[in-house]
Amino acid sequence: TRDQAVPCEIEVSGEPHPLGSQARLAIYRVAQEALTNVTKHASPTRVSLRLAYESTGTRLIVEDFAAGTPVIPDETDGYGLSGMRERAELLGGTLTAGATGHGFRVELAVPA
């Protein structure tokens, strides 16, 4: 919110549980890259970050809500979506990303 003057909502749900250092780093880096992509590729009216502690693992969702047509980040641009997917897969997790009816969404699931 402070850096881009775009409202950013943060929600944490579930009972927090310990995460390994690699899982913590993956969550941090995916959030960082997803927010960088929002800055570079979207003109959102707001951004939502949700971190959910679940019985099977931890889920991070970064979603922008844009006023216009969403721009899909280029896979070759910086760390990008392919790098986020690789990071997730190394942990046995998944990363999905794609346009929504109102913007773009990145979802990381890391197993417990």
N, C-alpha and C. Protein backbone atom coordinates (compact mmCIF):
# COMPACT_ATOMS: atom_id res chain seq x y z
N THR A 1 0.83 -1.19 0.00
CA THR A 1 0.00 0.00 0.00
C THR A 1 0.87 1.25 0.00
N ARG A 2 1.85 1.27 0.85
CA ARG A 2 2.70 2.46 0.99
C ARG A 2 3.51 2.72 -0.29
N ASP A 3 4.11 1.69 -0.87
CA ASP A 3 5.00 1.88 -2.01
C ASP A 3 4.28 2.17 -3.31
N GLN A 4 3.10 1.60 -3.51
CA GLN A 4 2.41 1.72 -4.79
C GLN A 4 1.09 2.48 -4.72
N ALA A 5 0.69 2.89 -3.54
CA ALA A 5 -0.58 3.60 -3.34
C ALA A 5 -1.77 2.78 -3.82
N VAL A 6 -1.68 1.48 -3.62
CA VAL A 6 -2.77 0.55 -3.96
C VAL A 6 -3.17 -0.16 -2.67
N PRO A 7 -4.44 -0.14 -2.30
CA PRO A 7 -4.85 -0.84 -1.10
C PRO A 7 -4.48 -2.33 -1.17
N CYS A 8 -3.90 -2.82 -0.09
CA CYS A 8 -3.48 -4.21 -0.01
C CYS A 8 -4.05 -4.83 1.27
N GLU A 9 -4.86 -5.86 1.09
CA GLU A 9 -5.46 -6.56 2.22
C GLU A 9 -4.63 -7.79 2.53
N ILE A 10 -4.37 -8.03 3.81
CA ILE A 10 -3.64 -9.22 4.23
C ILE A 10 -4.51 -9.97 5.21
N GLU A 11 -4.67 -11.27 4.94
CA GLU A 11 -5.49 -12.12 5.81
C GLU A 11 -4.71 -13.40 6.12
N VAL A 12 -4.65 -13.73 7.39
CA VAL A 12 -4.03 -14.98 7.84
C VAL A 12 -5.11 -15.80 8.51
N SER A 13 -5.24 -17.07 8.11
CA SER A 13 -6.27 -17.92 8.71
C SER A 13 -5.67 -19.26 9.12
N GLY A 14 -6.39 -19.94 9.99
CA GLY A 14 -5.94 -21.24 10.48
C GLY A 14 -5.00 -21.09 11.66
N GLU A 15 -4.65 -22.23 12.22
CA GLU A 15 -3.76 -22.27 13.37
C GLU A 15 -2.31 -22.31 12.87
N PRO A 16 -1.54 -21.25 13.12
CA PRO A 16 -0.15 -21.25 12.64
C PRO A 16 0.62 -22.47 13.15
N HIS A 17 1.42 -23.04 12.27
CA HIS A 17 2.26 -24.17 12.64
C HIS A 17 3.65 -23.95 12.08
N PRO A 18 4.65 -24.59 12.67
CA PRO A 18 6.03 -24.36 12.22
C PRO A 18 6.21 -24.78 10.76
N LEU A 19 7.00 -23.99 10.05
CA LEU A 19 7.35 -24.30 8.67
C LEU A 19 8.86 -24.43 8.59
N GLY A 20 9.31 -25.34 7.74
CA GLY A 20 10.74 -25.48 7.51
C GLY A 20 11.30 -24.24 6.83
N SER A 21 12.61 -24.09 6.89
CA SER A 21 13.23 -22.89 6.32
C SER A 21 12.98 -22.78 4.82
N GLN A 22 12.97 -23.89 4.10
CA GLN A 22 12.73 -23.84 2.65
C GLN A 22 11.29 -23.45 2.34
N ALA A 23 10.36 -23.94 3.14
CA ALA A 23 8.95 -23.57 2.94
C ALA A 23 8.73 -22.10 3.23
N ARG A 24 9.33 -21.61 4.32
CA ARG A 24 9.22 -20.18 4.66
C ARG A 24 9.78 -19.32 3.54
N LEU A 25 10.95 -19.73 3.02
CA LEU A 25 11.58 -18.97 1.96
C LEU A 25 10.73 -19.00 0.69
N ALA A 26 10.16 -20.15 0.37
CA ALA A 26 9.31 -20.26 -0.83
C ALA A 26 8.10 -19.34 -0.71
N ILE A 27 7.45 -19.34 0.44
CA ILE A 27 6.28 -18.47 0.64
C ILE A 27 6.68 -17.01 0.50
N TYR A 28 7.78 -16.64 1.11
CA TYR A 28 8.25 -15.26 1.03
C TYR A 28 8.57 -14.86 -0.40
N ARG A 29 9.34 -15.69 -1.10
CA ARG A 29 9.76 -15.37 -2.47
C ARG A 29 8.59 -15.34 -3.45
N VAL A 30 7.65 -16.25 -3.29
CA VAL A 30 6.48 -16.25 -4.19
C VAL A 30 5.65 -14.99 -3.93
N ALA A 31 5.46 -14.64 -2.68
CA ALA A 31 4.72 -13.40 -2.38
C ALA A 31 5.45 -12.20 -2.98
N GLN A 32 6.75 -12.17 -2.81
CA GLN A 32 7.56 -11.06 -3.33
C GLN A 32 7.45 -10.97 -4.86
N GLU A 33 7.60 -12.09 -5.56
CA GLU A 33 7.54 -12.07 -7.01
C GLU A 33 6.14 -11.76 -7.52
N ALA A 34 5.12 -12.31 -6.86
CA ALA A 34 3.75 -12.03 -7.27
C ALA A 34 3.43 -10.55 -7.12
N LEU A 35 3.87 -9.94 -6.03
CA LEU A 35 3.63 -8.51 -5.83
C LEU A 35 4.44 -7.67 -6.83
N THR A 36 5.64 -8.12 -7.16
CA THR A 36 6.43 -7.44 -8.18
C THR A 36 5.71 -7.51 -9.52
N ASN A 37 5.14 -8.67 -9.85
CA ASN A 37 4.39 -8.82 -11.10
C ASN A 37 3.17 -7.90 -11.13
N VAL A 38 2.51 -7.75 -10.00
CA VAL A 38 1.36 -6.84 -9.93
C VAL A 38 1.83 -5.43 -10.29
N THR A 39 2.95 -5.02 -9.72
CA THR A 39 3.49 -3.68 -9.97
C THR A 39 3.86 -3.50 -11.43
N LYS A 40 4.45 -4.53 -12.03
CA LYS A 40 4.95 -4.42 -13.40
C LYS A 40 3.87 -4.61 -14.46
N HIS A 41 2.87 -5.45 -14.19
CA HIS A 41 1.96 -5.88 -15.24
C HIS A 41 0.50 -5.47 -15.06
N ALA A 42 0.14 -4.96 -13.92
CA ALA A 42 -1.28 -4.68 -13.67
C ALA A 42 -1.46 -3.23 -13.22
N SER A 43 -2.67 -2.79 -13.30
CA SER A 43 -3.07 -1.50 -12.74
C SER A 43 -4.23 -1.77 -11.80
N PRO A 44 -3.95 -2.42 -10.67
CA PRO A 44 -5.04 -2.87 -9.81
C PRO A 44 -5.66 -1.75 -8.99
N THR A 45 -6.91 -1.99 -8.64
CA THR A 45 -7.59 -1.10 -7.71
C THR A 45 -7.32 -1.55 -6.28
N ARG A 46 -6.97 -2.85 -6.14
CA ARG A 46 -6.57 -3.38 -4.83
C ARG A 46 -5.87 -4.72 -5.03
N VAL A 47 -5.16 -5.16 -3.98
CA VAL A 47 -4.45 -6.43 -3.98
C VAL A 47 -4.80 -7.16 -2.69
N SER A 48 -4.91 -8.49 -2.80
CA SER A 48 -5.22 -9.32 -1.64
C SER A 48 -4.14 -10.38 -1.46
N LEU A 49 -3.64 -10.51 -0.23
CA LEU A 49 -2.72 -11.59 0.13
C LEU A 49 -3.41 -12.41 1.21
N ARG A 50 -3.48 -13.71 0.99
CA ARG A 50 -4.07 -14.59 1.99
C ARG A 50 -3.10 -15.72 2.29
N LEU A 51 -2.83 -15.94 3.56
CA LEU A 51 -1.98 -17.03 4.01
C LEU A 51 -2.85 -17.92 4.88
N ALA A 52 -2.99 -19.17 4.46
CA ALA A 52 -3.87 -20.09 5.17
C ALA A 52 -3.06 -21.28 5.69
N TYR A 53 -3.08 -21.45 7.00
CA TYR A 53 -2.49 -22.64 7.61
C TYR A 53 -3.56 -23.71 7.60
N GLU A 54 -3.30 -24.80 6.88
CA GLU A 54 -4.27 -25.87 6.72
C GLU A 54 -3.69 -27.16 7.30
N SER A 55 -4.54 -28.16 7.51
CA SER A 55 -4.07 -29.42 8.09
C SER A 55 -3.07 -30.13 7.18
N THR A 56 -3.18 -29.91 5.87
CA THR A 56 -2.28 -30.59 4.94
C THR A 56 -1.09 -29.75 4.51
N GLY A 57 -1.04 -28.51 4.94
CA GLY A 57 0.07 -27.64 4.57
C GLY A 57 -0.28 -26.18 4.72
N THR A 58 0.37 -25.36 3.91
CA THR A 58 0.17 -23.92 3.97
C THR A 58 -0.10 -23.42 2.56
N ARG A 59 -1.03 -22.48 2.44
CA ARG A 59 -1.45 -21.95 1.15
C ARG A 59 -1.30 -20.43 1.16
N LEU A 60 -0.71 -19.91 0.08
CA LEU A 60 -0.57 -18.47 -0.12
C LEU A 60 -1.31 -18.12 -1.40
N ILE A 61 -2.15 -17.10 -1.32
CA ILE A 61 -2.86 -16.61 -2.50
C ILE A 61 -2.60 -15.11 -2.61
N VAL A 62 -2.08 -14.71 -3.76
CA VAL A 62 -1.88 -13.29 -4.07
C VAL A 62 -2.75 -12.99 -5.27
N GLU A 63 -3.63 -12.03 -5.12
CA GLU A 63 -4.60 -11.75 -6.18
C GLU A 63 -4.74 -10.24 -6.35
N ASP A 64 -4.72 -9.82 -7.62
CA ASP A 64 -4.97 -8.41 -7.87
C ASP A 64 -6.33 -8.25 -8.52
N PHE A 65 -6.91 -7.11 -8.25
CA PHE A 65 -8.23 -6.76 -8.77
C PHE A 65 -8.03 -5.53 -9.62
N ALA A 66 -8.01 -5.71 -10.94
CA ALA A 66 -7.66 -4.65 -11.88
C ALA A 66 -8.89 -4.01 -12.47
N ALA A 67 -8.74 -2.78 -12.84
CA ALA A 67 -9.84 -2.05 -13.47
C ALA A 67 -9.99 -2.45 -14.94
N GLY A 68 -8.88 -2.81 -15.59
CA GLY A 68 -8.93 -3.16 -17.01
C GLY A 68 -8.64 -4.62 -17.24
N THR A 69 -8.26 -4.95 -18.47
CA THR A 69 -7.92 -6.31 -18.85
C THR A 69 -6.60 -6.71 -18.21
N PRO A 70 -6.53 -7.88 -17.54
CA PRO A 70 -5.29 -8.28 -16.91
C PRO A 70 -4.22 -8.61 -17.95
N VAL A 71 -2.98 -8.30 -17.61
CA VAL A 71 -1.85 -8.63 -18.45
C VAL A 71 -1.17 -9.83 -17.82
N ILE A 72 -0.97 -10.89 -18.60
CA ILE A 72 -0.33 -12.10 -18.09
C ILE A 72 1.17 -11.89 -18.10
N PRO A 73 1.84 -12.08 -16.95
CA PRO A 73 3.28 -11.88 -16.88
C PRO A 73 4.01 -12.80 -17.86
N ASP A 74 5.08 -12.29 -18.42
CA ASP A 74 5.91 -13.04 -19.36
C ASP A 74 6.74 -14.07 -18.60
N GLU A 75 6.70 -15.32 -19.05
CA GLU A 75 7.45 -16.40 -18.39
C GLU A 75 8.97 -16.16 -18.43
N THR A 76 9.45 -15.35 -19.35
CA THR A 76 10.88 -15.12 -19.46
C THR A 76 11.32 -13.86 -18.75
N ASP A 77 10.43 -13.18 -18.11
CA ASP A 77 10.72 -11.90 -17.47
C ASP A 77 11.14 -12.11 -16.03
N GLY A 78 12.44 -12.03 -15.75
CA GLY A 78 12.93 -12.18 -14.39
C GLY A 78 12.70 -13.57 -13.85
N TYR A 79 12.46 -13.66 -12.56
CA TYR A 79 12.24 -14.95 -11.90
C TYR A 79 10.97 -15.59 -12.42
N GLY A 80 9.93 -14.81 -12.52
CA GLY A 80 8.72 -15.20 -13.20
C GLY A 80 7.96 -16.39 -12.64
N LEU A 81 6.90 -16.71 -13.36
CA LEU A 81 6.01 -17.80 -12.96
C LEU A 81 6.71 -19.15 -13.00
N SER A 82 7.56 -19.37 -13.99
CA SER A 82 8.23 -20.67 -14.07
C SER A 82 9.14 -20.88 -12.87
N GLY A 83 9.83 -19.84 -12.43
CA GLY A 83 10.67 -19.95 -11.24
C GLY A 83 9.87 -20.21 -9.99
N MET A 84 8.70 -19.58 -9.88
CA MET A 84 7.84 -19.82 -8.72
C MET A 84 7.35 -21.26 -8.73
N ARG A 85 7.00 -21.78 -9.90
CA ARG A 85 6.54 -23.18 -10.00
C ARG A 85 7.66 -24.14 -9.61
N GLU A 86 8.86 -23.88 -10.08
CA GLU A 86 10.00 -24.74 -9.73
C GLU A 86 10.24 -24.76 -8.23
N ARG A 87 10.16 -23.60 -7.61
CA ARG A 87 10.36 -23.52 -6.16
C ARG A 87 9.30 -24.36 -5.44
N ALA A 88 8.05 -24.27 -5.88
CA ALA A 88 6.96 -25.04 -5.27
C ALA A 88 7.19 -26.54 -5.46
N GLU A 89 7.53 -26.95 -6.66
CA GLU A 89 7.71 -28.37 -6.97
C GLU A 89 8.86 -28.99 -6.19
N LEU A 90 9.92 -28.23 -5.95
CA LEU A 90 11.05 -28.74 -5.16
C LEU A 90 10.62 -29.10 -3.74
N LEU A 91 9.55 -28.48 -3.27
CA LEU A 91 9.04 -28.77 -1.92
C LEU A 91 7.89 -29.78 -1.95
N GLY A 92 7.56 -30.28 -3.13
CA GLY A 92 6.41 -31.19 -3.25
C GLY A 92 5.10 -30.44 -3.28
N GLY A 93 5.15 -29.16 -3.55
CA GLY A 93 3.96 -28.34 -3.58
C GLY A 93 3.52 -28.03 -5.00
N THR A 94 2.59 -27.11 -5.11
CA THR A 94 2.09 -26.70 -6.42
C THR A 94 1.97 -25.19 -6.47
N LEU A 95 2.02 -24.68 -7.69
CA LEU A 95 1.76 -23.27 -7.92
C LEU A 95 0.86 -23.17 -9.14
N THR A 96 -0.24 -22.49 -8.97
CA THR A 96 -1.13 -22.21 -10.09
C THR A 96 -1.23 -20.70 -10.25
N ALA A 97 -1.37 -20.27 -11.48
CA ALA A 97 -1.46 -18.84 -11.75
C ALA A 97 -2.28 -18.64 -13.00
N GLY A 98 -3.06 -17.57 -13.00
CA GLY A 98 -3.82 -17.27 -14.20
C GLY A 98 -4.74 -16.09 -14.01
N ALA A 99 -5.23 -15.65 -15.14
CA ALA A 99 -6.17 -14.54 -15.15
C ALA A 99 -7.49 -14.97 -14.53
N THR A 100 -8.12 -14.04 -13.86
CA THR A 100 -9.45 -14.24 -13.32
C THR A 100 -10.37 -13.28 -14.06
N GLY A 101 -11.60 -13.25 -13.71
CA GLY A 101 -12.52 -12.31 -14.34
C GLY A 101 -12.27 -10.87 -13.94
N HIS A 102 -11.40 -10.66 -12.95
CA HIS A 102 -11.18 -9.31 -12.42
C HIS A 102 -9.70 -8.97 -12.25
N GLY A 103 -8.79 -9.85 -12.65
CA GLY A 103 -7.37 -9.56 -12.48
C GLY A 103 -6.53 -10.80 -12.69
N PHE A 104 -5.60 -11.05 -11.77
CA PHE A 104 -4.68 -12.18 -11.88
C PHE A 104 -4.48 -12.77 -10.49
N ARG A 105 -4.32 -14.09 -10.44
CA ARG A 105 -4.20 -14.80 -9.16
C ARG A 105 -3.04 -15.78 -9.20
N VAL A 106 -2.24 -15.79 -8.14
CA VAL A 106 -1.15 -16.75 -7.94
C VAL A 106 -1.46 -17.49 -6.66
N GLU A 107 -1.43 -18.83 -6.73
CA GLU A 107 -1.72 -19.64 -5.54
C GLU A 107 -0.62 -20.68 -5.35
N LEU A 108 0.02 -20.63 -4.20
CA LEU A 108 1.07 -21.56 -3.81
C LEU A 108 0.54 -22.46 -2.71
N ALA A 109 0.73 -23.77 -2.88
CA ALA A 109 0.38 -24.73 -1.83
C ALA A 109 1.65 -25.50 -1.48
N VAL A 110 2.02 -25.45 -0.21
CA VAL A 110 3.21 -26.13 0.30
C VAL A 110 2.73 -27.19 1.29
N PRO A 111 3.12 -28.46 1.10
CA PRO A 111 2.67 -29.50 2.02
C PRO A 111 3.28 -29.35 3.42
N ALA A 112 2.60 -29.93 4.40
CA ALA A 112 3.07 -29.87 5.79
C ALA A 112 4.33 -30.69 5.96
